[in-house]
Amino acid sequence: MSKRIEIRISLPSDLGSLEELYPETFPDEDLLPLLRELLQEKTNVLSLVGSADLNLVGHIAFTTCSIVGCADKVALLGPLAVTPTWQRQGIGRAIVHEGLKRMEKVGVTRVYVLGDPAYYGRLGFAAETDVTPPYPLPAEWSGAWQSIQISNVKPPLRGKLSVPQPWRRPDLWAA
């Protein structure tokens, strides 16, 4: 990173910047309804922003979830966005790692993500086969469902991921 990035918990005053960030980063996806719902959650969402020179340049959310029939605390990473002009400078990596550290501190054992295996693989995520997402994924997304273990778990986690209301939209899980 060429400039110092500050990572902090997002504030209500960040909403306007986030509403510009996501359409700029993902012009073909409307993630704003999901983002707004996640930001309304008070207890089970960690929302972090990265800023440089007082400009918001990145955002990530981690949603606390569970696995049906399992007591372990797990989380779902997403969405993640970095302003296109700031991509490939380590901002995404920095906010992902900060989020993982914070998730581990609150007892999360594993984090799941539906995303580009090439990108998330560089961050330590690997294809997940033991825990299934809440909705079936398109066949062409093989390998996009991934996870990373962030604390010791005795037996491997198995089952279906149970997600809170903002994530209970099948269109978020399909092409």
N, C-alpha and C. Protein backbone atom coordinates (compact mmCIF):
# COMPACT_ATOMS: atom_id res chain seq x y z
N MET A 1 0.84 -1.17 0.00
CA MET A 1 0.00 0.00 0.00
C MET A 1 0.89 1.23 0.00
N SER A 2 0.59 2.14 -0.87
CA SER A 2 1.40 3.33 -0.97
C SER A 2 1.04 4.37 0.09
N LYS A 3 -0.19 4.37 0.57
CA LYS A 3 -0.62 5.32 1.58
C LYS A 3 -1.15 4.58 2.79
N ARG A 4 -1.15 5.26 3.91
CA ARG A 4 -1.64 4.65 5.15
C ARG A 4 -3.17 4.52 5.09
N ILE A 5 -3.63 3.33 5.41
CA ILE A 5 -5.06 3.04 5.42
C ILE A 5 -5.52 2.92 6.87
N GLU A 6 -6.57 3.61 7.20
CA GLU A 6 -7.18 3.50 8.52
C GLU A 6 -8.38 2.56 8.40
N ILE A 7 -8.45 1.58 9.29
CA ILE A 7 -9.58 0.65 9.29
C ILE A 7 -10.34 0.87 10.59
N ARG A 8 -11.64 1.06 10.46
CA ARG A 8 -12.47 1.31 11.64
C ARG A 8 -13.86 0.76 11.40
N ILE A 9 -14.63 0.68 12.48
CA ILE A 9 -16.03 0.26 12.37
C ILE A 9 -16.78 1.36 11.62
N SER A 10 -17.65 0.96 10.73
CA SER A 10 -18.40 1.95 9.95
C SER A 10 -19.36 2.71 10.85
N LEU A 11 -19.66 3.92 10.44
CA LEU A 11 -20.57 4.81 11.18
C LEU A 11 -21.79 5.09 10.32
N PRO A 12 -22.91 5.47 10.93
CA PRO A 12 -24.08 5.84 10.12
C PRO A 12 -23.76 6.93 9.08
N SER A 13 -22.84 7.82 9.41
CA SER A 13 -22.47 8.89 8.47
C SER A 13 -21.71 8.37 7.25
N ASP A 14 -21.28 7.10 7.25
CA ASP A 14 -20.58 6.52 6.10
C ASP A 14 -21.54 6.05 5.01
N LEU A 15 -22.83 5.99 5.30
CA LEU A 15 -23.79 5.40 4.36
C LEU A 15 -23.71 6.03 2.97
N GLY A 16 -23.66 7.35 2.88
CA GLY A 16 -23.59 8.00 1.57
C GLY A 16 -22.39 7.55 0.76
N SER A 17 -21.23 7.46 1.40
CA SER A 17 -20.03 7.00 0.71
C SER A 17 -20.15 5.54 0.29
N LEU A 18 -20.76 4.72 1.16
CA LEU A 18 -20.94 3.31 0.83
C LEU A 18 -21.92 3.14 -0.33
N GLU A 19 -22.94 3.99 -0.38
CA GLU A 19 -23.91 3.93 -1.48
C GLU A 19 -23.29 4.36 -2.81
N GLU A 20 -22.16 5.04 -2.78
CA GLU A 20 -21.40 5.34 -4.00
C GLU A 20 -20.40 4.23 -4.31
N LEU A 21 -19.79 3.69 -3.26
CA LEU A 21 -18.75 2.67 -3.42
C LEU A 21 -19.25 1.41 -4.12
N TYR A 22 -20.38 0.86 -3.67
CA TYR A 22 -20.82 -0.43 -4.21
C TYR A 22 -21.21 -0.38 -5.68
N PRO A 23 -22.00 0.60 -6.14
CA PRO A 23 -22.30 0.65 -7.58
C PRO A 23 -21.06 0.91 -8.44
N GLU A 24 -20.10 1.65 -7.89
CA GLU A 24 -18.86 1.90 -8.62
C GLU A 24 -18.03 0.62 -8.74
N THR A 25 -18.00 -0.16 -7.67
CA THR A 25 -17.22 -1.39 -7.64
C THR A 25 -17.92 -2.53 -8.38
N PHE A 26 -19.25 -2.60 -8.24
CA PHE A 26 -20.04 -3.68 -8.85
C PHE A 26 -21.15 -3.07 -9.71
N PRO A 27 -20.81 -2.52 -10.87
CA PRO A 27 -21.83 -1.85 -11.69
C PRO A 27 -22.94 -2.78 -12.20
N ASP A 28 -22.69 -4.10 -12.23
CA ASP A 28 -23.69 -5.04 -12.74
C ASP A 28 -24.50 -5.71 -11.63
N GLU A 29 -24.25 -5.35 -10.37
CA GLU A 29 -24.96 -5.96 -9.25
C GLU A 29 -25.54 -4.86 -8.36
N ASP A 30 -26.74 -5.05 -7.89
CA ASP A 30 -27.33 -4.10 -6.95
C ASP A 30 -27.21 -4.66 -5.54
N LEU A 31 -26.12 -4.35 -4.88
CA LEU A 31 -25.88 -4.83 -3.53
C LEU A 31 -26.38 -3.85 -2.46
N LEU A 32 -26.91 -2.71 -2.88
CA LEU A 32 -27.35 -1.70 -1.91
C LEU A 32 -28.46 -2.18 -0.99
N PRO A 33 -29.49 -2.90 -1.48
CA PRO A 33 -30.50 -3.38 -0.52
C PRO A 33 -29.90 -4.28 0.56
N LEU A 34 -29.00 -5.19 0.18
CA LEU A 34 -28.35 -6.06 1.16
C LEU A 34 -27.51 -5.21 2.11
N LEU A 35 -26.72 -4.30 1.58
CA LEU A 35 -25.87 -3.47 2.40
C LEU A 35 -26.70 -2.69 3.43
N ARG A 36 -27.77 -2.07 2.99
CA ARG A 36 -28.61 -1.29 3.90
C ARG A 36 -29.19 -2.17 5.01
N GLU A 37 -29.65 -3.37 4.64
CA GLU A 37 -30.19 -4.28 5.65
C GLU A 37 -29.13 -4.69 6.66
N LEU A 38 -27.94 -5.00 6.15
CA LEU A 38 -26.86 -5.41 7.06
C LEU A 38 -26.49 -4.28 8.02
N LEU A 39 -26.46 -3.07 7.51
CA LEU A 39 -26.10 -1.93 8.37
C LEU A 39 -27.16 -1.64 9.41
N GLN A 40 -28.39 -2.12 9.20
CA GLN A 40 -29.46 -1.96 10.19
C GLN A 40 -29.34 -2.96 11.33
N GLU A 41 -28.64 -4.08 11.07
CA GLU A 41 -28.46 -5.11 12.09
C GLU A 41 -27.57 -4.55 13.19
N LYS A 42 -28.00 -4.68 14.42
CA LYS A 42 -27.24 -4.10 15.53
C LYS A 42 -26.34 -5.11 16.24
N THR A 43 -26.67 -6.38 16.16
CA THR A 43 -25.93 -7.33 17.00
C THR A 43 -25.07 -8.33 16.25
N ASN A 44 -25.42 -8.70 15.03
CA ASN A 44 -24.68 -9.81 14.43
C ASN A 44 -23.91 -9.43 13.16
N VAL A 45 -23.65 -8.14 12.95
CA VAL A 45 -22.89 -7.72 11.78
C VAL A 45 -21.74 -6.82 12.21
N LEU A 46 -20.55 -7.18 11.75
CA LEU A 46 -19.38 -6.32 11.90
C LEU A 46 -19.17 -5.64 10.56
N SER A 47 -19.25 -4.32 10.54
CA SER A 47 -19.09 -3.54 9.32
C SER A 47 -17.86 -2.66 9.48
N LEU A 48 -16.85 -2.90 8.64
CA LEU A 48 -15.61 -2.14 8.71
C LEU A 48 -15.41 -1.34 7.44
N VAL A 49 -14.82 -0.16 7.57
CA VAL A 49 -14.44 0.63 6.40
C VAL A 49 -12.94 0.88 6.44
N GLY A 50 -12.39 1.04 5.26
CA GLY A 50 -11.00 1.44 5.12
C GLY A 50 -10.99 2.82 4.49
N SER A 51 -10.20 3.72 5.05
CA SER A 51 -10.13 5.06 4.48
C SER A 51 -8.68 5.47 4.30
N ALA A 52 -8.47 6.30 3.29
CA ALA A 52 -7.15 6.85 2.98
C ALA A 52 -7.35 8.33 2.72
N ASP A 53 -6.53 9.14 3.35
CA ASP A 53 -6.65 10.59 3.20
C ASP A 53 -8.08 11.06 3.46
N LEU A 54 -8.72 10.48 4.47
CA LEU A 54 -10.09 10.81 4.88
C LEU A 54 -11.16 10.41 3.87
N ASN A 55 -10.78 9.67 2.83
CA ASN A 55 -11.75 9.18 1.84
C ASN A 55 -12.00 7.71 2.08
N LEU A 56 -13.27 7.32 2.10
CA LEU A 56 -13.63 5.92 2.26
C LEU A 56 -13.28 5.19 0.96
N VAL A 57 -12.41 4.18 1.05
CA VAL A 57 -11.96 3.47 -0.15
C VAL A 57 -12.27 1.98 -0.12
N GLY A 58 -12.80 1.48 1.01
CA GLY A 58 -13.13 0.06 1.09
C GLY A 58 -14.13 -0.22 2.19
N HIS A 59 -14.82 -1.34 2.05
CA HIS A 59 -15.81 -1.76 3.05
C HIS A 59 -15.89 -3.27 3.06
N ILE A 60 -16.20 -3.79 4.24
CA ILE A 60 -16.44 -5.23 4.39
C ILE A 60 -17.47 -5.43 5.50
N ALA A 61 -18.25 -6.48 5.36
CA ALA A 61 -19.19 -6.87 6.42
C ALA A 61 -18.97 -8.35 6.73
N PHE A 62 -19.07 -8.68 8.01
CA PHE A 62 -19.06 -10.05 8.50
C PHE A 62 -20.36 -10.24 9.27
N THR A 63 -21.13 -11.25 8.90
CA THR A 63 -22.39 -11.53 9.56
C THR A 63 -22.25 -12.81 10.36
N THR A 64 -22.54 -12.74 11.66
CA THR A 64 -22.50 -13.93 12.51
C THR A 64 -23.64 -14.86 12.11
N CYS A 65 -23.30 -16.12 11.92
CA CYS A 65 -24.26 -17.14 11.49
C CYS A 65 -24.11 -18.37 12.37
N SER A 66 -24.81 -19.42 11.99
CA SER A 66 -24.65 -20.69 12.69
C SER A 66 -24.76 -21.81 11.66
N ILE A 67 -24.42 -22.99 12.11
CA ILE A 67 -24.59 -24.18 11.28
C ILE A 67 -25.69 -25.00 11.94
N VAL A 68 -26.67 -25.39 11.16
CA VAL A 68 -27.81 -26.13 11.69
C VAL A 68 -27.31 -27.34 12.48
N GLY A 69 -27.73 -27.42 13.74
CA GLY A 69 -27.36 -28.55 14.60
C GLY A 69 -25.97 -28.46 15.21
N CYS A 70 -25.33 -27.32 15.13
CA CYS A 70 -23.96 -27.17 15.63
C CYS A 70 -23.89 -25.93 16.52
N ALA A 71 -23.13 -26.01 17.59
CA ALA A 71 -23.03 -24.89 18.53
C ALA A 71 -21.95 -23.88 18.16
N ASP A 72 -21.06 -24.25 17.24
CA ASP A 72 -19.98 -23.33 16.89
C ASP A 72 -20.50 -22.03 16.29
N LYS A 73 -19.84 -20.95 16.63
CA LYS A 73 -20.17 -19.63 16.10
C LYS A 73 -19.34 -19.43 14.83
N VAL A 74 -20.01 -19.15 13.72
CA VAL A 74 -19.33 -18.94 12.44
C VAL A 74 -19.82 -17.62 11.85
N ALA A 75 -19.18 -17.20 10.75
CA ALA A 75 -19.57 -15.94 10.13
C ALA A 75 -19.52 -16.06 8.61
N LEU A 76 -20.25 -15.16 7.98
CA LEU A 76 -20.28 -15.05 6.53
C LEU A 76 -19.64 -13.72 6.16
N LEU A 77 -18.63 -13.75 5.30
CA LEU A 77 -17.97 -12.54 4.84
C LEU A 77 -18.69 -12.04 3.60
N GLY A 78 -19.02 -10.78 3.59
CA GLY A 78 -19.62 -10.19 2.40
C GLY A 78 -20.67 -9.17 2.78
N PRO A 79 -20.85 -8.20 1.98
CA PRO A 79 -20.05 -7.94 0.79
C PRO A 79 -18.72 -7.27 1.13
N LEU A 80 -17.83 -7.28 0.16
CA LEU A 80 -16.52 -6.64 0.25
C LEU A 80 -16.37 -5.79 -1.00
N ALA A 81 -15.98 -4.53 -0.82
CA ALA A 81 -15.78 -3.65 -1.97
C ALA A 81 -14.60 -2.73 -1.72
N VAL A 82 -13.84 -2.48 -2.78
CA VAL A 82 -12.75 -1.51 -2.76
C VAL A 82 -12.92 -0.63 -3.99
N THR A 83 -12.84 0.67 -3.79
CA THR A 83 -12.94 1.62 -4.89
C THR A 83 -12.01 1.18 -6.02
N PRO A 84 -12.49 1.10 -7.26
CA PRO A 84 -11.65 0.61 -8.36
C PRO A 84 -10.28 1.28 -8.46
N THR A 85 -10.18 2.57 -8.23
CA THR A 85 -8.88 3.25 -8.34
C THR A 85 -7.92 2.86 -7.20
N TRP A 86 -8.44 2.23 -6.17
CA TRP A 86 -7.61 1.80 -5.04
C TRP A 86 -7.39 0.29 -5.00
N GLN A 87 -7.91 -0.44 -5.98
CA GLN A 87 -7.74 -1.88 -6.00
C GLN A 87 -6.28 -2.24 -6.28
N ARG A 88 -5.91 -3.46 -5.88
CA ARG A 88 -4.57 -4.00 -6.06
C ARG A 88 -3.50 -3.22 -5.27
N GLN A 89 -3.94 -2.65 -4.16
CA GLN A 89 -3.00 -1.94 -3.29
C GLN A 89 -3.03 -2.49 -1.87
N GLY A 90 -3.68 -3.64 -1.69
CA GLY A 90 -3.68 -4.30 -0.39
C GLY A 90 -4.79 -3.88 0.55
N ILE A 91 -5.71 -3.04 0.08
CA ILE A 91 -6.79 -2.58 0.96
C ILE A 91 -7.75 -3.71 1.29
N GLY A 92 -8.17 -4.47 0.28
CA GLY A 92 -9.06 -5.60 0.53
C GLY A 92 -8.45 -6.59 1.50
N ARG A 93 -7.19 -6.93 1.26
CA ARG A 93 -6.48 -7.86 2.14
C ARG A 93 -6.45 -7.32 3.58
N ALA A 94 -6.14 -6.03 3.73
CA ALA A 94 -6.04 -5.43 5.06
C ALA A 94 -7.37 -5.47 5.80
N ILE A 95 -8.47 -5.13 5.12
CA ILE A 95 -9.74 -5.11 5.84
C ILE A 95 -10.27 -6.52 6.09
N VAL A 96 -9.96 -7.47 5.20
CA VAL A 96 -10.33 -8.86 5.46
C VAL A 96 -9.59 -9.36 6.69
N HIS A 97 -8.27 -9.15 6.75
CA HIS A 97 -7.50 -9.65 7.89
C HIS A 97 -7.91 -8.99 9.20
N GLU A 98 -8.19 -7.68 9.17
CA GLU A 98 -8.67 -7.02 10.38
C GLU A 98 -10.00 -7.62 10.82
N GLY A 99 -10.89 -7.86 9.87
CA GLY A 99 -12.18 -8.47 10.21
C GLY A 99 -12.03 -9.87 10.78
N LEU A 100 -11.13 -10.66 10.20
CA LEU A 100 -10.90 -12.02 10.72
C LEU A 100 -10.38 -11.97 12.16
N LYS A 101 -9.49 -11.03 12.44
CA LYS A 101 -8.97 -10.90 13.81
C LYS A 101 -10.10 -10.55 14.78
N ARG A 102 -10.96 -9.64 14.37
CA ARG A 102 -12.07 -9.23 15.24
C ARG A 102 -13.08 -10.37 15.40
N MET A 103 -13.30 -11.15 14.35
CA MET A 103 -14.22 -12.29 14.45
C MET A 103 -13.67 -13.33 15.43
N GLU A 104 -12.38 -13.59 15.34
CA GLU A 104 -11.77 -14.56 16.25
C GLU A 104 -11.93 -14.10 17.71
N LYS A 105 -11.77 -12.81 17.97
CA LYS A 105 -11.90 -12.28 19.33
C LYS A 105 -13.30 -12.46 19.92
N VAL A 106 -14.32 -12.56 19.07
CA VAL A 106 -15.68 -12.75 19.58
C VAL A 106 -16.12 -14.22 19.51
N GLY A 107 -15.17 -15.12 19.27
CA GLY A 107 -15.46 -16.55 19.35
C GLY A 107 -15.87 -17.23 18.06
N VAL A 108 -15.76 -16.54 16.92
CA VAL A 108 -16.06 -17.18 15.63
C VAL A 108 -14.94 -18.16 15.30
N THR A 109 -15.31 -19.37 14.88
CA THR A 109 -14.29 -20.39 14.59
C THR A 109 -13.97 -20.52 13.11
N ARG A 110 -14.94 -20.18 12.24
CA ARG A 110 -14.73 -20.32 10.80
C ARG A 110 -15.53 -19.22 10.10
N VAL A 111 -14.97 -18.74 8.99
CA VAL A 111 -15.64 -17.72 8.18
C VAL A 111 -15.85 -18.27 6.78
N TYR A 112 -17.05 -18.08 6.24
CA TYR A 112 -17.44 -18.55 4.91
C TYR A 112 -17.58 -17.36 3.97
N VAL A 113 -17.38 -17.62 2.69
CA VAL A 113 -17.54 -16.57 1.68
C VAL A 113 -17.97 -17.21 0.37
N LEU A 114 -18.77 -16.49 -0.38
CA LEU A 114 -19.11 -16.88 -1.75
C LEU A 114 -18.44 -15.83 -2.63
N GLY A 115 -17.37 -16.23 -3.28
CA GLY A 115 -16.61 -15.25 -4.05
C GLY A 115 -15.59 -15.89 -4.96
N ASP A 116 -14.82 -15.05 -5.60
CA ASP A 116 -13.81 -15.46 -6.57
C ASP A 116 -12.71 -16.29 -5.88
N PRO A 117 -12.58 -17.58 -6.25
CA PRO A 117 -11.57 -18.42 -5.61
C PRO A 117 -10.14 -17.90 -5.81
N ALA A 118 -9.87 -17.25 -6.93
CA ALA A 118 -8.52 -16.73 -7.16
C ALA A 118 -8.19 -15.64 -6.14
N TYR A 119 -9.16 -14.78 -5.87
CA TYR A 119 -8.93 -13.70 -4.91
C TYR A 119 -8.89 -14.23 -3.48
N TYR A 120 -9.94 -14.92 -3.07
CA TYR A 120 -10.02 -15.36 -1.68
C TYR A 120 -9.00 -16.45 -1.37
N GLY A 121 -8.59 -17.22 -2.35
CA GLY A 121 -7.54 -18.21 -2.15
C GLY A 121 -6.23 -17.56 -1.70
N ARG A 122 -5.94 -16.38 -2.23
CA ARG A 122 -4.72 -15.66 -1.82
C ARG A 122 -4.81 -15.20 -0.37
N LEU A 123 -6.01 -15.14 0.16
CA LEU A 123 -6.20 -14.70 1.55
C LEU A 123 -6.29 -15.87 2.52
N GLY A 124 -6.16 -17.10 2.02
CA GLY A 124 -6.18 -18.27 2.88
C GLY A 124 -7.47 -19.07 2.86
N PHE A 125 -8.45 -18.63 2.09
CA PHE A 125 -9.71 -19.37 1.98
C PHE A 125 -9.51 -20.57 1.05
N ALA A 126 -10.27 -21.63 1.29
CA ALA A 126 -10.22 -22.82 0.45
C ALA A 126 -11.65 -23.30 0.19
N ALA A 127 -11.82 -24.04 -0.88
CA ALA A 127 -13.15 -24.56 -1.24
C ALA A 127 -13.75 -25.30 -0.05
N GLU A 128 -15.04 -25.05 0.18
CA GLU A 128 -15.76 -25.64 1.31
C GLU A 128 -16.72 -26.70 0.80
N THR A 129 -16.61 -27.90 1.37
CA THR A 129 -17.51 -28.98 0.96
C THR A 129 -18.31 -29.57 2.12
N ASP A 130 -17.89 -29.32 3.37
CA ASP A 130 -18.57 -29.92 4.52
C ASP A 130 -19.76 -29.12 5.00
N VAL A 131 -19.73 -27.81 4.80
CA VAL A 131 -20.85 -26.94 5.18
C VAL A 131 -21.42 -26.35 3.90
N THR A 132 -22.71 -26.54 3.71
CA THR A 132 -23.33 -26.05 2.48
C THR A 132 -23.94 -24.67 2.69
N PRO A 133 -24.00 -23.88 1.62
CA PRO A 133 -24.63 -22.56 1.73
C PRO A 133 -26.14 -22.72 1.92
N PRO A 134 -26.84 -21.65 2.30
CA PRO A 134 -28.27 -21.75 2.58
C PRO A 134 -29.13 -22.03 1.36
N TYR A 135 -28.62 -21.77 0.17
CA TYR A 135 -29.35 -22.02 -1.07
C TYR A 135 -28.42 -22.72 -2.05
N PRO A 136 -28.96 -23.51 -2.96
CA PRO A 136 -28.12 -24.17 -3.96
C PRO A 136 -27.41 -23.12 -4.83
N LEU A 137 -26.18 -23.42 -5.18
CA LEU A 137 -25.40 -22.53 -6.04
C LEU A 137 -25.39 -23.04 -7.47
N PRO A 138 -25.29 -22.16 -8.45
CA PRO A 138 -25.19 -22.60 -9.85
C PRO A 138 -23.93 -23.47 -10.04
N ALA A 139 -24.02 -24.45 -10.90
CA ALA A 139 -22.90 -25.37 -11.14
C ALA A 139 -21.63 -24.62 -11.55
N GLU A 140 -21.80 -23.54 -12.32
CA GLU A 140 -20.61 -22.81 -12.80
C GLU A 140 -19.88 -22.06 -11.67
N TRP A 141 -20.47 -22.04 -10.50
CA TRP A 141 -19.82 -21.39 -9.36
C TRP A 141 -19.04 -22.39 -8.51
N SER A 142 -18.72 -23.53 -9.10
CA SER A 142 -17.95 -24.55 -8.40
C SER A 142 -16.67 -23.93 -7.84
N GLY A 143 -16.42 -24.14 -6.57
CA GLY A 143 -15.22 -23.59 -5.94
C GLY A 143 -15.40 -22.20 -5.36
N ALA A 144 -16.52 -21.53 -5.65
CA ALA A 144 -16.73 -20.17 -5.16
C ALA A 144 -17.18 -20.16 -3.69
N TRP A 145 -17.74 -21.28 -3.21
CA TRP A 145 -18.13 -21.39 -1.80
C TRP A 145 -16.89 -21.83 -1.04
N GLN A 146 -16.38 -20.96 -0.16
CA GLN A 146 -15.10 -21.18 0.48
C GLN A 146 -15.16 -20.85 1.97
N SER A 147 -14.13 -21.28 2.69
CA SER A 147 -14.06 -20.95 4.12
C SER A 147 -12.61 -20.88 4.57
N ILE A 148 -12.47 -20.31 5.76
CA ILE A 148 -11.16 -20.26 6.43
C ILE A 148 -11.40 -20.51 7.90
N GLN A 149 -10.58 -21.37 8.47
CA GLN A 149 -10.66 -21.64 9.91
C GLN A 149 -9.83 -20.58 10.62
N ILE A 150 -10.42 -19.92 11.64
CA ILE A 150 -9.68 -18.87 12.33
C ILE A 150 -9.39 -19.19 13.79
N SER A 151 -9.94 -20.30 14.29
CA SER A 151 -9.58 -20.76 15.63
C SER A 151 -9.75 -22.27 15.68
N ASN A 152 -9.22 -22.86 16.73
CA ASN A 152 -9.25 -24.31 16.84
C ASN A 152 -10.66 -24.86 16.99
N VAL A 153 -10.96 -25.85 16.18
CA VAL A 153 -12.23 -26.56 16.26
C VAL A 153 -11.87 -28.04 16.32
N LYS A 154 -12.47 -28.77 17.25
CA LYS A 154 -12.12 -30.18 17.39
C LYS A 154 -12.55 -31.00 16.16
N PRO A 155 -13.81 -31.34 16.00
CA PRO A 155 -14.20 -32.08 14.79
C PRO A 155 -14.49 -31.10 13.64
N PRO A 156 -14.41 -31.57 12.42
CA PRO A 156 -14.76 -30.69 11.29
C PRO A 156 -16.24 -30.30 11.37
N LEU A 157 -16.52 -29.08 11.00
CA LEU A 157 -17.91 -28.62 10.98
C LEU A 157 -18.61 -29.21 9.76
N ARG A 158 -19.84 -29.67 9.97
CA ARG A 158 -20.62 -30.23 8.88
C ARG A 158 -22.06 -29.76 9.02
N GLY A 159 -22.71 -29.53 7.88
CA GLY A 159 -24.11 -29.15 7.92
C GLY A 159 -24.42 -28.04 6.94
N LYS A 160 -25.49 -27.33 7.23
CA LYS A 160 -25.95 -26.25 6.37
C LYS A 160 -25.84 -24.92 7.12
N LEU A 161 -25.33 -23.91 6.44
CA LEU A 161 -25.19 -22.60 7.05
C LEU A 161 -26.57 -21.97 7.23
N SER A 162 -26.83 -21.50 8.43
CA SER A 162 -28.06 -20.79 8.74
C SER A 162 -27.73 -19.31 8.83
N VAL A 163 -28.41 -18.50 8.03
CA VAL A 163 -28.09 -17.08 7.92
C VAL A 163 -29.24 -16.22 8.45
N PRO A 164 -28.94 -15.01 8.93
CA PRO A 164 -30.00 -14.11 9.36
C PRO A 164 -30.76 -13.52 8.18
N GLN A 165 -31.83 -12.84 8.48
CA GLN A 165 -32.78 -12.33 7.48
C GLN A 165 -32.15 -11.63 6.27
N PRO A 166 -31.21 -10.72 6.43
CA PRO A 166 -30.71 -10.03 5.23
C PRO A 166 -30.17 -10.97 4.15
N TRP A 167 -29.68 -12.13 4.55
CA TRP A 167 -29.11 -13.09 3.60
C TRP A 167 -30.12 -14.13 3.11
N ARG A 168 -31.36 -14.04 3.52
CA ARG A 168 -32.37 -15.04 3.12
C ARG A 168 -33.08 -14.64 1.84
N ARG A 169 -32.31 -14.28 0.86
CA ARG A 169 -32.84 -13.95 -0.46
C ARG A 169 -32.13 -14.86 -1.47
N PRO A 170 -32.86 -15.80 -2.08
CA PRO A 170 -32.21 -16.74 -3.00
C PRO A 170 -31.44 -16.05 -4.13
N ASP A 171 -31.88 -14.85 -4.55
CA ASP A 171 -31.18 -14.17 -5.65
C ASP A 171 -29.75 -13.80 -5.28
N LEU A 172 -29.42 -13.70 -4.00
CA LEU A 172 -28.05 -13.41 -3.59
C LEU A 172 -27.14 -14.61 -3.80
N TRP A 173 -27.72 -15.78 -3.98
CA TRP A 173 -26.97 -17.02 -4.07
C TRP A 173 -27.03 -17.65 -5.46
N ALA A 174 -27.56 -16.95 -6.43
CA ALA A 174 -27.71 -17.50 -7.79
C ALA A 174 -27.19 -16.49 -8.81
N ALA A 175 -26.90 -17.00 -9.98
CA ALA A 175 -26.38 -16.13 -11.04
C ALA A 175 -27.43 -15.16 -11.53
